[in-house]
């Protein structure tokens, strides 16, 4: 069926007014990076920056894409999870964004439930 799962993840920052100031796309000072980690144990919080499937660079772009190429044998019929981590460099304010995911196979997305998290 599939040998490789191809997935694109797109994050788009929403430009809003905060504290009476409007944000302009060209003057954005908020830098984000997006990383993907394999999570075979399920519901574990990523506490250390190691063994990333994909690590991106920090950027202040309004839209950012992450490309994943995963072996289908490892992910398609297993309970293996992937954690997507958004990291904001020198946080100055809250950021609001939307996420779009396009994949070559069906998938399920879930928000991490903090009640179920395990620290490893």
C-alpha atoms as a PDB file:
ATOM      1  CA  UNK A   1       0.000   0.000   0.000  1.00  0.00           C
ATOM      2  CA  UNK A   2       2.420   2.726   1.212  1.00  0.00           C
ATOM      3  CA  UNK A   3       6.190   2.501   1.589  1.00  0.00           C
ATOM      4  CA  UNK A   4       6.582   6.071   2.746  1.00  0.00           C
ATOM      5  CA  UNK A   5       4.181   8.497   4.383  1.00  0.00           C
ATOM      6  CA  UNK A   6       4.603  12.052   3.115  1.00  0.00           C
ATOM      7  CA  UNK A   7       3.240  14.806   5.345  1.00  0.00           C
ATOM      8  CA  UNK A   8       3.307  18.600   5.189  1.00  0.00           C
ATOM      9  CA  UNK A   9       2.559  20.623   8.318  1.00  0.00           C
ATOM     10  CA  UNK A  10       1.824  24.343   7.859  1.00  0.00           C
ATOM     11  CA  UNK A  11       1.695  26.855  10.699  1.00  0.00           C
ATOM     12  CA  UNK A  12       0.269  30.313   9.967  1.00  0.00           C
ATOM     13  CA  UNK A  13       0.636  33.086  12.521  1.00  0.00           C
ATOM     14  CA  UNK A  14      -2.453  35.209  12.925  1.00  0.00           C
ATOM     15  CA  UNK A  15      -1.780  38.930  12.922  1.00  0.00           C
ATOM     16  CA  UNK A  16      -3.816  40.497  15.713  1.00  0.00           C
ATOM     17  CA  UNK A  17      -3.901  43.573  17.896  1.00  0.00           C
ATOM     18  CA  UNK A  18      -2.453  43.106  21.396  1.00  0.00           C
ATOM     19  CA  UNK A  19      -2.048  45.770  24.062  1.00  0.00           C
ATOM     20  CA  UNK A  20      -3.295  48.390  21.605  1.00  0.00           C
ATOM     21  CA  UNK A  21      -0.596  47.614  19.033  1.00  0.00           C
ATOM     22  CA  UNK A  22      -1.171  46.090  15.614  1.00  0.00           C
ATOM     23  CA  UNK A  23       1.377  43.656  14.265  1.00  0.00           C
ATOM     24  CA  UNK A  24       2.766  44.061  10.783  1.00  0.00           C
ATOM     25  CA  UNK A  25       4.038  41.008   8.925  1.00  0.00           C
ATOM     26  CA  UNK A  26       7.225  42.763   7.749  1.00  0.00           C
ATOM     27  CA  UNK A  27       8.188  43.850  11.279  1.00  0.00           C
ATOM     28  CA  UNK A  28       7.474  40.596  13.104  1.00  0.00           C
ATOM     29  CA  UNK A  29       9.925  40.022  15.951  1.00  0.00           C
ATOM     30  CA  UNK A  30       8.536  36.656  17.047  1.00  0.00           C
ATOM     31  CA  UNK A  31      10.699  33.727  16.021  1.00  0.00           C
ATOM     32  CA  UNK A  32       9.198  30.228  15.908  1.00  0.00           C
ATOM     33  CA  UNK A  33      10.679  26.831  15.201  1.00  0.00           C
ATOM     34  CA  UNK A  34       8.772  23.612  14.614  1.00  0.00           C
ATOM     35  CA  UNK A  35      10.214  20.224  15.568  1.00  0.00           C
ATOM     36  CA  UNK A  36       8.817  16.681  15.234  1.00  0.00           C
ATOM     37  CA  UNK A  37       9.643  13.866  17.643  1.00  0.00           C
ATOM     38  CA  UNK A  38       8.726  10.191  17.478  1.00  0.00           C
ATOM     39  CA  UNK A  39       6.839   9.136  20.582  1.00  0.00           C
ATOM     40  CA  UNK A  40       6.429   5.370  20.897  1.00  0.00           C
ATOM     41  CA  UNK A  41       5.583   5.601  24.610  1.00  0.00           C
ATOM     42  CA  UNK A  42       2.504   7.769  24.101  1.00  0.00           C
ATOM     43  CA  UNK A  43       1.578  10.929  25.955  1.00  0.00           C
ATOM     44  CA  UNK A  44       5.099  11.778  27.056  1.00  0.00           C
ATOM     45  CA  UNK A  45       6.192  15.374  27.265  1.00  0.00           C
ATOM     46  CA  UNK A  46       9.296  16.384  25.313  1.00  0.00           C
ATOM     47  CA  UNK A  47      11.677  17.824  27.908  1.00  0.00           C
ATOM     48  CA  UNK A  48      15.009  17.534  26.113  1.00  0.00           C
ATOM     49  CA  UNK A  49      16.045  18.495  22.642  1.00  0.00           C
ATOM     50  CA  UNK A  50      17.354  15.175  21.359  1.00  0.00           C
ATOM     51  CA  UNK A  51      16.417  12.524  18.798  1.00  0.00           C
ATOM     52  CA  UNK A  52      14.184  14.788  16.715  1.00  0.00           C
ATOM     53  CA  UNK A  53      12.806  13.371  13.473  1.00  0.00           C
ATOM     54  CA  UNK A  54      12.978  16.877  12.034  1.00  0.00           C
ATOM     55  CA  UNK A  55      14.362  20.047  13.589  1.00  0.00           C
ATOM     56  CA  UNK A  56      13.652  23.351  11.915  1.00  0.00           C
ATOM     57  CA  UNK A  57      15.318  26.731  12.233  1.00  0.00           C
ATOM     58  CA  UNK A  58      13.816  29.768  13.963  1.00  0.00           C
ATOM     59  CA  UNK A  59      12.043  32.130  11.596  1.00  0.00           C
ATOM     60  CA  UNK A  60       9.798  35.167  11.860  1.00  0.00           C
ATOM     61  CA  UNK A  61       7.845  34.304   8.717  1.00  0.00           C
ATOM     62  CA  UNK A  62       4.056  34.410   8.922  1.00  0.00           C
ATOM     63  CA  UNK A  63       3.747  30.933   7.341  1.00  0.00           C
ATOM     64  CA  UNK A  64       6.083  28.057   8.020  1.00  0.00           C
ATOM     65  CA  UNK A  65       6.074  24.545   6.529  1.00  0.00           C
ATOM     66  CA  UNK A  66       7.581  21.356   7.883  1.00  0.00           C
ATOM     67  CA  UNK A  67       8.031  18.318   5.640  1.00  0.00           C
ATOM     68  CA  UNK A  68       7.988  14.801   7.096  1.00  0.00           C
ATOM     69  CA  UNK A  69       8.901  11.641   5.232  1.00  0.00           C
ATOM     70  CA  UNK A  70       8.140   8.655   7.463  1.00  0.00           C
ATOM     71  CA  UNK A  71       8.565   4.908   6.880  1.00  0.00           C
ATOM     72  CA  UNK A  72       5.044   3.487   6.600  1.00  0.00           C
ATOM     73  CA  UNK A  73       6.067   0.215   8.255  1.00  0.00           C
ATOM     74  CA  UNK A  74       6.881   2.134  11.461  1.00  0.00           C
ATOM     75  CA  UNK A  75       3.786   4.359  11.634  1.00  0.00           C
ATOM     76  CA  UNK A  76       0.890   3.145   9.512  1.00  0.00           C
ATOM     77  CA  UNK A  77      -0.519   0.260  11.575  1.00  0.00           C
ATOM     78  CA  UNK A  78       1.030   1.002  14.950  1.00  0.00           C
ATOM     79  CA  UNK A  79       0.136   3.138  17.932  1.00  0.00           C
ATOM     80  CA  UNK A  80       3.312   5.169  17.472  1.00  0.00           C
ATOM     81  CA  UNK A  81       2.738   8.890  17.910  1.00  0.00           C
ATOM     82  CA  UNK A  82       4.521  11.959  16.639  1.00  0.00           C
ATOM     83  CA  UNK A  83       4.827  15.012  18.873  1.00  0.00           C
ATOM     84  CA  UNK A  84       4.876  18.338  17.109  1.00  0.00           C
ATOM     85  CA  UNK A  85       6.686  20.952  19.216  1.00  0.00           C
ATOM     86  CA  UNK A  86       6.443  24.674  18.544  1.00  0.00           C
ATOM     87  CA  UNK A  87       9.259  26.598  20.160  1.00  0.00           C
ATOM     88  CA  UNK A  88       9.165  30.379  20.493  1.00  0.00           C
ATOM     89  CA  UNK A  89      12.542  32.095  20.852  1.00  0.00           C
ATOM     90  CA  UNK A  90      12.674  34.899  23.437  1.00  0.00           C
ATOM     91  CA  UNK A  91       8.941  35.025  23.979  1.00  0.00           C
ATOM     92  CA  UNK A  92       7.642  38.598  24.036  1.00  0.00           C
ATOM     93  CA  UNK A  93       3.913  37.907  23.725  1.00  0.00           C
ATOM     94  CA  UNK A  94       1.396  35.167  23.111  1.00  0.00           C
ATOM     95  CA  UNK A  95       1.137  34.003  19.523  1.00  0.00           C
ATOM     96  CA  UNK A  96      -1.993  32.770  17.848  1.00  0.00           C
ATOM     97  CA  UNK A  97      -1.792  30.509  14.838  1.00  0.00           C
ATOM     98  CA  UNK A  98      -3.627  27.895  12.849  1.00  0.00           C
ATOM     99  CA  UNK A  99      -2.265  24.578  11.726  1.00  0.00           C
ATOM    100  CA  UNK A 100      -2.950  22.636   8.533  1.00  0.00           C
ATOM    101  CA  UNK A 101      -1.734  19.109   7.893  1.00  0.00           C
ATOM    102  CA  UNK A 102      -1.753  17.337   4.544  1.00  0.00           C
ATOM    103  CA  UNK A 103      -0.680  13.710   4.358  1.00  0.00           C
ATOM    104  CA  UNK A 104      -0.526  10.852   1.875  1.00  0.00           C
ATOM    105  CA  UNK A 105      -2.528   8.674   4.305  1.00  0.00           C
ATOM    106  CA  UNK A 106      -5.255   9.068   6.910  1.00  0.00           C
ATOM    107  CA  UNK A 107      -4.261  10.303  10.351  1.00  0.00           C
ATOM    108  CA  UNK A 108      -5.733  11.588  13.600  1.00  0.00           C
ATOM    109  CA  UNK A 109      -4.685  14.747  15.422  1.00  0.00           C
ATOM    110  CA  UNK A 110      -5.208  15.318  19.130  1.00  0.00           C
ATOM    111  CA  UNK A 111      -4.336  18.045  21.565  1.00  0.00           C
ATOM    112  CA  UNK A 112      -2.047  16.734  24.276  1.00  0.00           C
ATOM    113  CA  UNK A 113      -3.972  16.079  27.460  1.00  0.00           C
ATOM    114  CA  UNK A 114      -1.892  17.321  30.365  1.00  0.00           C
ATOM    115  CA  UNK A 115      -3.635  14.907  32.741  1.00  0.00           C
ATOM    116  CA  UNK A 116      -2.184  11.962  30.839  1.00  0.00           C
ATOM    117  CA  UNK A 117       1.348  13.290  30.378  1.00  0.00           C
ATOM    118  CA  UNK A 118       4.269  11.283  31.754  1.00  0.00           C
ATOM    119  CA  UNK A 119       7.672  12.816  32.383  1.00  0.00           C
ATOM    120  CA  UNK A 120      10.518  10.615  31.177  1.00  0.00           C
END
